[in-house]
Amino acid sequence: MAKRYRVKVHKKGLIVIPAEVRRRFNIFEGSYLELVVDDEGIRLAVPKSLRDAFGVDGDKALEVARLIEAARRAEVEEEIRS
C-alpha cells in the first residue's frame, strides 16, 4: 500500500522531503532527483546510478566508463591540435 505524505511548498517552490523517505531512498544534501510530469500528475524519482544499473558489476562498469571517457577526451584533444 502506498504511503502518502503532505508537504508544504515554500518560497521558490521548495519542499521538504520527510526524513523517513530520505533515509529509505538514500537521498542526502546534494542528491539529484527527477521530477516526472505526465497526464496523471507529478512524481519524484531517484535516478539510478551506473553502479545500480549494473548490479554487482557496478564497480567494473564505472571503470569502463572512466576509460571510455578518458579515451574520448584524448581523441578530442588530438582533433583540436590538428
C-alpha atoms as a PDB file:
ATOM      1  CA  MET A   1       0.000   0.000   0.000  1.00  0.00           C
ATOM      2  CA  ALA A   2       1.305   3.431  -0.921  1.00  0.00           C
ATOM      3  CA  LYS A   3       2.166   5.784   1.891  1.00  0.00           C
ATOM      4  CA  ARG A   4       1.241   9.448   1.483  1.00  0.00           C
ATOM      5  CA  TYR A   5       2.987  12.488   2.916  1.00  0.00           C
ATOM      6  CA  ARG A   6       1.663  16.019   2.982  1.00  0.00           C
ATOM      7  CA  VAL A   7       4.386  18.600   2.336  1.00  0.00           C
ATOM      8  CA  LYS A   8       4.224  22.376   2.164  1.00  0.00           C
ATOM      9  CA  VAL A   9       5.611  24.313  -0.789  1.00  0.00           C
ATOM     10  CA  HIS A  10       7.894  27.117   0.389  1.00  0.00           C
ATOM     11  CA  LYS A  11       9.412  30.104  -1.371  1.00  0.00           C
ATOM     12  CA  LYS A  12      10.795  29.375  -4.828  1.00  0.00           C
ATOM     13  CA  GLY A  13       8.867  26.071  -4.933  1.00  0.00           C
ATOM     14  CA  LEU A  14      10.990  24.322  -2.302  1.00  0.00           C
ATOM     15  CA  ILE A  15       9.558  21.327  -0.476  1.00  0.00           C
ATOM     16  CA  VAL A  16      10.952  19.278   2.396  1.00  0.00           C
ATOM     17  CA  ILE A  17      11.191  15.538   1.851  1.00  0.00           C
ATOM     18  CA  PRO A  18      10.442  13.754   5.148  1.00  0.00           C
ATOM     19  CA  ALA A  19      13.492  12.200   6.848  1.00  0.00           C
ATOM     20  CA  GLU A  20      11.942   8.721   6.717  1.00  0.00           C
ATOM     21  CA  VAL A  21      11.713   8.960   2.919  1.00  0.00           C
ATOM     22  CA  ARG A  22      15.239  10.394   2.552  1.00  0.00           C
ATOM     23  CA  ARG A  23      16.678   7.534   4.600  1.00  0.00           C
ATOM     24  CA  ARG A  24      14.719   4.883   2.702  1.00  0.00           C
ATOM     25  CA  PHE A  25      15.904   6.130  -0.699  1.00  0.00           C
ATOM     26  CA  ASN A  26      19.389   7.289   0.342  1.00  0.00           C
ATOM     27  CA  ILE A  27      18.679  10.924  -0.509  1.00  0.00           C
ATOM     28  CA  PHE A  28      21.066  13.439   1.028  1.00  0.00           C
ATOM     29  CA  GLU A  29      22.066  17.075   0.548  1.00  0.00           C
ATOM     30  CA  GLY A  30      23.324  17.467  -2.993  1.00  0.00           C
ATOM     31  CA  SER A  31      21.405  14.457  -4.339  1.00  0.00           C
ATOM     32  CA  TYR A  32      19.638  14.831  -7.662  1.00  0.00           C
ATOM     33  CA  LEU A  33      16.040  13.744  -8.170  1.00  0.00           C
ATOM     34  CA  GLU A  34      13.959  13.513 -11.326  1.00  0.00           C
ATOM     35  CA  LEU A  35      10.625  15.319 -11.432  1.00  0.00           C
ATOM     36  CA  VAL A  36       8.342  13.267 -13.677  1.00  0.00           C
ATOM     37  CA  VAL A  37       5.268  15.050 -15.033  1.00  0.00           C
ATOM     38  CA  ASP A  38       2.599  13.215 -17.018  1.00  0.00           C
ATOM     39  CA  ASP A  39      -1.174  13.232 -17.502  1.00  0.00           C
ATOM     40  CA  GLU A  40      -1.675  11.529 -14.129  1.00  0.00           C
ATOM     41  CA  GLY A  41       0.289  14.054 -12.084  1.00  0.00           C
ATOM     42  CA  ILE A  42       3.746  14.664 -10.643  1.00  0.00           C
ATOM     43  CA  ARG A  43       6.148  12.228  -9.016  1.00  0.00           C
ATOM     44  CA  LEU A  44       9.722  12.343  -7.806  1.00  0.00           C
ATOM     45  CA  ALA A  45      12.121   9.602  -8.824  1.00  0.00           C
ATOM     46  CA  VAL A  46      15.622   8.770  -7.642  1.00  0.00           C
ATOM     47  CA  PRO A  47      17.703   8.254 -10.789  1.00  0.00           C
ATOM     48  CA  LYS A  48      19.710   5.050 -10.968  1.00  0.00           C
ATOM     49  CA  SER A  49      23.466   5.322 -10.953  1.00  0.00           C
ATOM     50  CA  LEU A  50      25.707   3.217 -13.177  1.00  0.00           C
ATOM     51  CA  ARG A  51      26.519   1.108 -10.121  1.00  0.00           C
ATOM     52  CA  ASP A  52      22.794   0.455  -9.541  1.00  0.00           C
ATOM     53  CA  ALA A  53      22.172  -0.302 -13.204  1.00  0.00           C
ATOM     54  CA  PHE A  54      24.977  -2.850 -13.425  1.00  0.00           C
ATOM     55  CA  GLY A  55      24.450  -4.510 -10.039  1.00  0.00           C
ATOM     56  CA  VAL A  56      27.431  -6.495  -8.769  1.00  0.00           C
ATOM     57  CA  ASP A  57      29.448  -5.425 -11.823  1.00  0.00           C
ATOM     58  CA  GLY A  58      28.864  -1.754 -10.964  1.00  0.00           C
ATOM     59  CA  ASP A  59      32.466  -1.011  -9.992  1.00  0.00           C
ATOM     60  CA  LYS A  60      33.766  -2.618 -13.187  1.00  0.00           C
ATOM     61  CA  ALA A  61      31.194  -0.711 -15.269  1.00  0.00           C
ATOM     62  CA  LEU A  62      32.283   2.572 -13.679  1.00  0.00           C
ATOM     63  CA  GLU A  63      35.912   1.788 -14.511  1.00  0.00           C
ATOM     64  CA  VAL A  64      34.979   1.015 -18.132  1.00  0.00           C
ATOM     65  CA  ALA A  65      33.033   4.288 -18.333  1.00  0.00           C
ATOM     66  CA  ARG A  66      36.064   6.192 -16.990  1.00  0.00           C
ATOM     67  CA  LEU A  67      38.335   4.552 -19.570  1.00  0.00           C
ATOM     68  CA  ILE A  68      35.932   5.394 -22.408  1.00  0.00           C
ATOM     69  CA  GLU A  69      35.685   8.998 -21.195  1.00  0.00           C
ATOM     70  CA  ALA A  70      39.481   9.331 -20.986  1.00  0.00           C
ATOM     71  CA  ALA A  71      39.921   7.857 -24.474  1.00  0.00           C
ATOM     72  CA  ARG A  72      37.292  10.194 -25.915  1.00  0.00           C
ATOM     73  CA  ARG A  73      38.873  13.192 -24.179  1.00  0.00           C
ATOM     74  CA  ALA A  74      42.251  12.252 -25.727  1.00  0.00           C
ATOM     75  CA  GLU A  75      40.611  11.975 -29.175  1.00  0.00           C
ATOM     76  CA  VAL A  76      39.026  15.418 -28.836  1.00  0.00           C
ATOM     77  CA  GLU A  77      42.305  16.975 -27.686  1.00  0.00           C
ATOM     78  CA  GLU A  78      44.082  15.384 -30.656  1.00  0.00           C
ATOM     79  CA  GLU A  79      41.427  16.747 -33.035  1.00  0.00           C
ATOM     80  CA  ILE A  80      41.827  20.234 -31.538  1.00  0.00           C
ATOM     81  CA  ARG A  81      45.623  20.119 -32.021  1.00  0.00           C
ATOM     82  CA  SER A  82      45.277  19.006 -35.671  1.00  0.00           C
END
